[in-house]
Amino acid sequence: MAFGGPWTGDDQEHNDECHARWGASLHRSTAQPGYLDEWYDAQCGGCRFWIGLSGQLGQDYGACTNPASPFDGRVRFEHDGCARFTGREDGSFG
């Protein structure tokens, strides 16, 4: 990782390390036994309170801004989710 200029978020090695660290804190993983079918339609990336990060990390991660969520103010994987999901009116994702 090069230092000095503004951070662009596009350092692949750094992003891979972030994904490994942040993935350990998933609330719901599509790979876990017992993942409910209805959760596929209630993932963070489709929540009106999810704001994507910039750069390459923003393709998979964003900040939760839902004051009712236990994840408010935390970076979340777009395919994670919680019980406070609020879908976007336009049905968009990411």
Protein backbone atom coordinates (compact mmCIF):
# COMPACT_ATOMS: atom_id res chain seq x y z
CA MET A 1 0.00 0.00 0.00
CA ALA A 2 1.41 3.38 -1.01
CA PHE A 3 1.09 6.33 1.33
CA GLY A 4 1.22 10.03 0.60
CA GLY A 5 -1.64 10.81 -1.76
CA PRO A 6 -5.36 10.62 -1.09
CA TRP A 7 -6.67 7.14 -0.41
CA THR A 8 -8.64 5.79 -3.37
CA GLY A 9 -9.67 2.46 -1.86
CA ASP A 10 -8.32 0.62 -4.88
CA ASP A 11 -5.38 -1.29 -3.39
CA GLN A 12 -6.28 -4.93 -4.07
CA GLU A 13 -4.10 -6.42 -1.32
CA HIS A 14 -5.56 -4.03 1.26
CA ASN A 15 -9.11 -4.71 0.02
CA ASP A 16 -8.58 -8.47 0.26
CA GLU A 17 -7.35 -8.06 3.83
CA CYS A 18 -10.39 -5.91 4.69
CA HIS A 19 -12.73 -8.49 3.16
CA ALA A 20 -11.14 -11.26 5.25
CA ARG A 21 -11.40 -9.22 8.49
CA TRP A 22 -14.85 -7.81 7.88
CA GLY A 23 -16.24 -11.11 6.63
CA ALA A 24 -15.63 -12.56 10.07
CA SER A 25 -18.32 -10.25 11.48
CA LEU A 26 -21.16 -11.25 9.17
CA HIS A 27 -24.52 -11.41 10.88
CA ARG A 28 -26.02 -13.61 8.14
CA SER A 29 -23.98 -15.58 5.67
CA THR A 30 -25.67 -17.14 2.65
CA ALA A 31 -23.34 -20.12 3.20
CA GLN A 32 -24.51 -20.81 6.76
CA PRO A 33 -26.89 -23.69 7.47
CA GLY A 34 -30.34 -22.37 8.28
CA TYR A 35 -30.12 -19.28 6.04
CA LEU A 36 -33.77 -18.44 5.41
CA ASP A 37 -35.06 -17.96 1.86
CA GLU A 38 -36.68 -14.62 2.75
CA TRP A 39 -33.30 -13.23 3.78
CA TYR A 40 -32.16 -13.25 0.14
CA ASP A 41 -34.57 -10.38 -0.50
CA ALA A 42 -33.58 -8.52 2.69
CA GLN A 43 -29.84 -8.02 2.24
CA CYS A 44 -28.01 -4.84 3.23
CA GLY A 45 -27.31 -3.83 -0.37
CA GLY A 46 -31.05 -3.48 -0.98
CA CYS A 47 -31.79 -1.55 2.21
CA ARG A 48 -32.68 2.13 1.89
CA PHE A 49 -30.31 2.87 4.78
CA TRP A 50 -27.22 1.25 3.18
CA ILE A 51 -24.70 3.67 1.60
CA GLY A 52 -21.98 2.09 -0.54
CA LEU A 53 -18.33 2.94 0.04
CA SER A 54 -16.31 4.42 -2.82
CA GLY A 55 -13.58 2.65 -4.77
CA GLN A 56 -13.37 -1.11 -5.17
CA LEU A 57 -14.51 -1.73 -1.59
CA GLY A 58 -17.76 0.04 -2.46
CA GLN A 59 -18.61 -2.79 -4.85
CA ASP A 60 -19.21 -5.04 -1.82
CA TYR A 61 -19.34 -2.86 1.29
CA GLY A 62 -21.26 0.10 2.62
CA ALA A 63 -22.23 1.85 5.82
CA CYS A 64 -25.46 1.13 7.67
CA THR A 65 -27.27 4.37 8.56
CA ASN A 66 -30.44 2.83 10.02
CA PRO A 67 -30.92 4.19 13.57
CA ALA A 68 -33.08 1.15 14.41
CA SER A 69 -30.40 -1.37 13.37
CA PRO A 70 -27.79 -2.81 15.72
CA PHE A 71 -25.34 -2.19 12.84
CA ASP A 72 -25.98 1.57 12.56
CA GLY A 73 -22.69 3.35 11.85
CA ARG A 74 -20.84 0.16 10.91
CA VAL A 75 -19.47 -1.10 7.61
CA ARG A 76 -21.51 -4.05 6.34
CA PHE A 77 -21.16 -6.54 3.48
CA GLU A 78 -23.87 -5.98 0.85
CA HIS A 79 -25.14 -9.58 1.21
CA ASP A 80 -25.43 -9.40 5.00
CA GLY A 81 -28.67 -8.36 6.65
CA CYS A 82 -30.63 -7.73 9.83
CA ALA A 83 -34.18 -7.68 11.16
CA ARG A 84 -34.40 -3.89 10.62
CA PHE A 85 -34.13 -4.14 6.81
CA THR A 86 -36.16 -1.50 4.97
CA GLY A 87 -36.36 -2.09 1.22
CA ARG A 88 -35.78 0.65 -1.31
CA GLU A 89 -38.88 1.93 -3.06
CA ASP A 90 -37.24 1.46 -6.47
CA GLY A 91 -36.07 -2.10 -5.64
CA SER A 92 -32.43 -1.29 -6.50
CA PHE A 93 -29.46 -3.07 -4.95
CA GLY A 94 -25.95 -1.94 -4.15
